Amino acid sequence: MQTFLTWLGQSWLAALVNDSSWMFPTLEALHFLGLILLMGSLIVVDLRLLGVGAEAPMDAVARFIPWSMLGFVINLVTGALFFASDPDAYYFNTAFRLKMLAIALAGLNLIWFKLSVHPLIAAGSGARIELPPSAAVIGGASLLLWISVIVFGRLIPYLP
């Protein structure tokens, strides 16, 4: 693993980020915009899964999901560039590892959603969809995990 980290730290990706005075701040701004897209749209979906605004048609709420995915992709790309800029600092950082764990668990939660709740939304019509009790668990877990991702991300500079 150390060989890979050394190679990545000396790669053109690391140079792209480290050799420019404007690249890192630009990536931070894009990362924040991705976070806004991800969390802003996920909050709508997750709160609806928790039963808030039950009168809102679930198929209309589900239209926010592609915006969440766009925000995630933006954060994936910018996060990979952050990692490439100083892989040793990130890889061995406890907060970074916890953030990655929370993202992995959120991914598993998304799979659970796609296999159990999303088919009901796709087959149903509007607000008449009766969500299973697991929908609230999925929505609550999603909120908890993505808030954890934000908190651990903010702790990266402060924890060894």
C-alpha atoms as a PDB file:
ATOM      1  CA  MET A   1       0.000   0.000   0.000  1.00  0.00           C
ATOM      2  CA  GLN A   2       2.812   2.399   0.817  1.00  0.00           C
ATOM      3  CA  THR A   3       4.174   1.973  -2.725  1.00  0.00           C
ATOM      4  CA  PHE A   4       0.796   3.005  -4.156  1.00  0.00           C
ATOM      5  CA  LEU A   5       0.559   5.990  -1.814  1.00  0.00           C
ATOM      6  CA  THR A   6       4.074   7.108  -2.775  1.00  0.00           C
ATOM      7  CA  TRP A   7       3.309   6.697  -6.469  1.00  0.00           C
ATOM      8  CA  LEU A   8       0.031   8.625  -6.138  1.00  0.00           C
ATOM      9  CA  GLY A   9       1.707  11.413  -4.167  1.00  0.00           C
ATOM     10  CA  GLN A  10       4.201  11.845  -7.014  1.00  0.00           C
ATOM     11  CA  SER A  11       1.662  11.485  -9.828  1.00  0.00           C
ATOM     12  CA  TRP A  12       0.411  14.104 -12.259  1.00  0.00           C
ATOM     13  CA  LEU A  13      -2.831  14.260 -10.231  1.00  0.00           C
ATOM     14  CA  ALA A  14      -0.942  15.343  -7.133  1.00  0.00           C
ATOM     15  CA  ALA A  15       0.999  17.858  -9.196  1.00  0.00           C
ATOM     16  CA  LEU A  16      -2.235  19.165 -10.707  1.00  0.00           C
ATOM     17  CA  VAL A  17      -3.533  20.019  -7.247  1.00  0.00           C
ATOM     18  CA  ASN A  18      -0.294  20.943  -5.471  1.00  0.00           C
ATOM     19  CA  ASP A  19       1.414  23.010  -8.161  1.00  0.00           C
ATOM     20  CA  SER A  20      -1.392  25.506  -8.589  1.00  0.00           C
ATOM     21  CA  SER A  21      -2.367  28.261  -6.195  1.00  0.00           C
ATOM     22  CA  TRP A  22      -5.986  28.159  -7.336  1.00  0.00           C
ATOM     23  CA  MET A  23      -6.688  24.427  -7.769  1.00  0.00           C
ATOM     24  CA  PHE A  24      -7.165  23.449  -4.106  1.00  0.00           C
ATOM     25  CA  PRO A  25      -9.549  26.345  -3.325  1.00  0.00           C
ATOM     26  CA  THR A  26     -11.471  25.597  -6.529  1.00  0.00           C
ATOM     27  CA  LEU A  27     -11.783  21.943  -5.529  1.00  0.00           C
ATOM     28  CA  GLU A  28     -12.980  22.999  -2.076  1.00  0.00           C
ATOM     29  CA  ALA A  29     -15.672  25.193  -3.617  1.00  0.00           C
ATOM     30  CA  LEU A  30     -16.781  22.393  -5.953  1.00  0.00           C
ATOM     31  CA  HIS A  31     -16.720  19.892  -3.078  1.00  0.00           C
ATOM     32  CA  PHE A  32     -18.980  22.211  -1.079  1.00  0.00           C
ATOM     33  CA  LEU A  33     -21.361  22.652  -4.035  1.00  0.00           C
ATOM     34  CA  GLY A  34     -21.497  18.873  -4.438  1.00  0.00           C
ATOM     35  CA  LEU A  35     -22.260  18.568  -0.741  1.00  0.00           C
ATOM     36  CA  ILE A  36     -25.084  21.085  -1.074  1.00  0.00           C
ATOM     37  CA  LEU A  37     -26.588  19.118  -3.975  1.00  0.00           C
ATOM     38  CA  LEU A  38     -26.168  15.820  -2.175  1.00  0.00           C
ATOM     39  CA  MET A  39     -27.496  16.857   1.222  1.00  0.00           C
ATOM     40  CA  GLY A  40     -30.126  19.319   0.039  1.00  0.00           C
ATOM     41  CA  SER A  41     -31.820  16.736  -2.123  1.00  0.00           C
ATOM     42  CA  LEU A  42     -31.264  13.816   0.250  1.00  0.00           C
ATOM     43  CA  ILE A  43     -32.873  15.665   3.136  1.00  0.00           C
ATOM     44  CA  VAL A  44     -36.084  15.950   1.116  1.00  0.00           C
ATOM     45  CA  VAL A  45     -36.082  12.238   0.245  1.00  0.00           C
ATOM     46  CA  ASP A  46     -35.001  11.016   3.688  1.00  0.00           C
ATOM     47  CA  LEU A  47     -37.508  13.140   5.592  1.00  0.00           C
ATOM     48  CA  ARG A  48     -40.277  11.857   3.308  1.00  0.00           C
ATOM     49  CA  LEU A  49     -39.127   8.283   4.002  1.00  0.00           C
ATOM     50  CA  LEU A  50     -39.350   9.134   7.705  1.00  0.00           C
ATOM     51  CA  GLY A  51     -42.970  10.194   7.205  1.00  0.00           C
ATOM     52  CA  VAL A  52     -42.513  13.977   7.201  1.00  0.00           C
ATOM     53  CA  GLY A  53     -44.738  15.552   4.570  1.00  0.00           C
ATOM     54  CA  ALA A  54     -46.600  12.310   3.910  1.00  0.00           C
ATOM     55  CA  GLU A  55     -49.005  14.218   1.670  1.00  0.00           C
ATOM     56  CA  ALA A  56     -46.162  14.855  -0.810  1.00  0.00           C
ATOM     57  CA  PRO A  57     -46.299  12.350  -3.672  1.00  0.00           C
ATOM     58  CA  MET A  58     -43.415   9.935  -3.283  1.00  0.00           C
ATOM     59  CA  ASP A  59     -42.789   9.817  -7.026  1.00  0.00           C
ATOM     60  CA  ALA A  60     -42.309  13.602  -7.008  1.00  0.00           C
ATOM     61  CA  VAL A  61     -39.934  13.370  -4.044  1.00  0.00           C
ATOM     62  CA  ALA A  62     -37.951  10.637  -5.826  1.00  0.00           C
ATOM     63  CA  ARG A  63     -37.103  13.152  -8.572  1.00  0.00           C
ATOM     64  CA  PHE A  64     -34.553  14.606  -6.141  1.00  0.00           C
ATOM     65  CA  ILE A  65     -32.498  11.392  -6.207  1.00  0.00           C
ATOM     66  CA  PRO A  66     -30.602  12.210  -9.454  1.00  0.00           C
ATOM     67  CA  TRP A  67     -29.524  15.515  -7.885  1.00  0.00           C
ATOM     68  CA  SER A  68     -28.146  13.582  -4.924  1.00  0.00           C
ATOM     69  CA  MET A  69     -26.238  11.335  -7.290  1.00  0.00           C
ATOM     70  CA  LEU A  70     -24.814  14.345  -9.171  1.00  0.00           C
ATOM     71  CA  GLY A  71     -23.652  15.852  -5.871  1.00  0.00           C
ATOM     72  CA  PHE A  72     -22.060  12.549  -4.893  1.00  0.00           C
ATOM     73  CA  VAL A  73     -20.188  12.280  -8.204  1.00  0.00           C
ATOM     74  CA  ILE A  74     -18.878  15.849  -7.834  1.00  0.00           C
ATOM     75  CA  ASN A  75     -17.679  15.011  -4.324  1.00  0.00           C
ATOM     76  CA  LEU A  76     -16.180  11.713  -5.450  1.00  0.00           C
ATOM     77  CA  VAL A  77     -14.074  13.421  -8.120  1.00  0.00           C
ATOM     78  CA  THR A  78     -12.991  16.351  -5.959  1.00  0.00           C
ATOM     79  CA  GLY A  79     -12.372  14.054  -2.982  1.00  0.00           C
ATOM     80  CA  ALA A  80     -10.173  11.789  -5.098  1.00  0.00           C
ATOM     81  CA  LEU A  81      -8.135  14.836  -6.123  1.00  0.00           C
ATOM     82  CA  PHE A  82      -7.808  15.921  -2.483  1.00  0.00           C
ATOM     83  CA  PHE A  83      -6.605  12.419  -1.625  1.00  0.00           C
ATOM     84  CA  ALA A  84      -4.099  12.427  -4.499  1.00  0.00           C
ATOM     85  CA  SER A  85      -2.665  15.739  -3.306  1.00  0.00           C
ATOM     86  CA  ASP A  86      -1.407  14.179  -0.047  1.00  0.00           C
ATOM     87  CA  PRO A  87      -2.276  10.477   0.135  1.00  0.00           C
ATOM     88  CA  ASP A  88      -0.190   9.728   3.241  1.00  0.00           C
ATOM     89  CA  ALA A  89      -1.917  12.453   5.246  1.00  0.00           C
ATOM     90  CA  TYR A  90      -5.369  11.213   4.260  1.00  0.00           C
ATOM     91  CA  TYR A  91      -4.857   7.444   4.283  1.00  0.00           C
ATOM     92  CA  PHE A  92      -3.513   7.320   7.836  1.00  0.00           C
ATOM     93  CA  ASN A  93      -5.986   9.892   9.224  1.00  0.00           C
ATOM     94  CA  THR A  94      -8.601   8.444  11.614  1.00  0.00           C
ATOM     95  CA  ALA A  95     -11.303  10.942  10.630  1.00  0.00           C
ATOM     96  CA  PHE A  96     -10.730  10.177   6.936  1.00  0.00           C
ATOM     97  CA  ARG A  97     -11.081   6.444   7.563  1.00  0.00           C
ATOM     98  CA  LEU A  98     -14.273   6.984   9.549  1.00  0.00           C
ATOM     99  CA  LYS A  99     -15.595   9.185   6.754  1.00  0.00           C
ATOM    100  CA  MET A 100     -14.888   6.453   4.203  1.00  0.00           C
ATOM    101  CA  LEU A 101     -16.598   3.889   6.448  1.00  0.00           C
ATOM    102  CA  ALA A 102     -19.680   6.111   6.724  1.00  0.00           C
ATOM    103  CA  ILE A 103     -19.740   6.535   2.918  1.00  0.00           C
ATOM    104  CA  ALA A 104     -19.481   2.759   2.439  1.00  0.00           C
ATOM    105  CA  LEU A 105     -22.346   2.190   4.892  1.00  0.00           C
ATOM    106  CA  ALA A 106     -24.383   4.882   3.127  1.00  0.00           C
ATOM    107  CA  GLY A 107     -23.756   3.012  -0.120  1.00  0.00           C
ATOM    108  CA  LEU A 108     -25.076  -0.206   1.417  1.00  0.00           C
ATOM    109  CA  ASN A 109     -28.085   1.756   2.689  1.00  0.00           C
ATOM    110  CA  LEU A 110     -28.661   3.034  -0.864  1.00  0.00           C
ATOM    111  CA  ILE A 111     -28.600  -0.546  -2.170  1.00  0.00           C
ATOM    112  CA  TRP A 112     -31.167  -1.503   0.484  1.00  0.00           C
ATOM    113  CA  PHE A 113     -33.327   1.450  -0.659  1.00  0.00           C
ATOM    114  CA  LYS A 114     -32.974   0.530  -4.348  1.00  0.00           C
ATOM    115  CA  LEU A 115     -33.921  -3.104  -3.693  1.00  0.00           C
ATOM    116  CA  SER A 116     -36.757  -2.609  -1.215  1.00  0.00           C
ATOM    117  CA  VAL A 117     -38.383   0.838  -1.446  1.00  0.00           C
ATOM    118  CA  HIS A 118     -37.528   2.199  -4.877  1.00  0.00           C
ATOM    119  CA  PRO A 119     -39.417  -0.557  -6.766  1.00  0.00           C
ATOM    120  CA  LEU A 120     -42.563   0.396  -4.816  1.00  0.00           C
ATOM    121  CA  ILE A 121     -42.099   4.035  -5.796  1.00  0.00           C
ATOM    122  CA  ALA A 122     -41.514   3.154  -9.449  1.00  0.00           C
ATOM    123  CA  ALA A 123     -44.606   0.911  -9.554  1.00  0.00           C
ATOM    124  CA  GLY A 124     -46.882   3.163  -7.489  1.00  0.00           C
ATOM    125  CA  SER A 125     -48.828   6.281  -8.229  1.00  0.00           C
ATOM    126  CA  GLY A 126     -48.214   9.462  -6.274  1.00  0.00           C
ATOM    127  CA  ALA A 127     -48.971   9.848  -2.589  1.00  0.00           C
ATOM    128  CA  ARG A 128     -51.030   6.627  -2.392  1.00  0.00           C
ATOM    129  CA  ILE A 129     -47.852   4.566  -2.076  1.00  0.00           C
ATOM    130  CA  GLU A 130     -47.726   2.837   1.276  1.00  0.00           C
ATOM    131  CA  LEU A 131     -44.107   2.693   2.341  1.00  0.00           C
ATOM    132  CA  PRO A 132     -42.895  -0.274   4.362  1.00  0.00           C
ATOM    133  CA  PRO A 133     -41.607   0.330   7.900  1.00  0.00           C
ATOM    134  CA  SER A 134     -38.081  -0.241   6.589  1.00  0.00           C
ATOM    135  CA  ALA A 135     -38.386   3.029   4.622  1.00  0.00           C
ATOM    136  CA  ALA A 136     -38.166   5.022   7.858  1.00  0.00           C
ATOM    137  CA  VAL A 137     -35.108   3.032   8.940  1.00  0.00           C
ATOM    138  CA  ILE A 138     -33.485   3.661   5.549  1.00  0.00           C
ATOM    139  CA  GLY A 139     -34.260   7.391   5.683  1.00  0.00           C
ATOM    140  CA  GLY A 140     -33.025   7.760   9.258  1.00  0.00           C
ATOM    141  CA  ALA A 141     -29.858   5.783   8.568  1.00  0.00           C
ATOM    142  CA  SER A 142     -29.182   7.885   5.476  1.00  0.00           C
ATOM    143  CA  LEU A 143     -29.460  11.143   7.405  1.00  0.00           C
ATOM    144  CA  LEU A 144     -27.282   9.826  10.227  1.00  0.00           C
ATOM    145  CA  LEU A 145     -24.614   8.462   7.883  1.00  0.00           C
ATOM    146  CA  TRP A 146     -24.368  11.542   5.648  1.00  0.00           C
ATOM    147  CA  ILE A 147     -24.238  13.880   8.649  1.00  0.00           C
ATOM    148  CA  SER A 148     -21.441  11.642   9.967  1.00  0.00           C
ATOM    149  CA  VAL A 149     -19.635  12.004   6.625  1.00  0.00           C
ATOM    150  CA  ILE A 150     -19.790  15.797   6.989  1.00  0.00           C
ATOM    151  CA  VAL A 151     -18.605  15.760  10.601  1.00  0.00           C
ATOM    152  CA  PHE A 152     -15.725  13.357   9.927  1.00  0.00           C
ATOM    153  CA  GLY A 153     -14.772  15.348   6.833  1.00  0.00           C
ATOM    154  CA  ARG A 154     -14.545  18.520   8.884  1.00  0.00           C
ATOM    155  CA  LEU A 155     -12.398  16.699  11.466  1.00  0.00           C
ATOM    156  CA  ILE A 156      -9.782  15.542   8.933  1.00  0.00           C
ATOM    157  CA  PRO A 157      -7.507  18.582   9.413  1.00  0.00           C
ATOM    158  CA  TYR A 158      -7.744  18.298  13.194  1.00  0.00           C
ATOM    159  CA  LEU A 159      -7.253  14.580  13.887  1.00  0.00           C
ATOM    160  CA  PRO A 160      -4.043  12.666  13.261  1.00  0.00           C
END
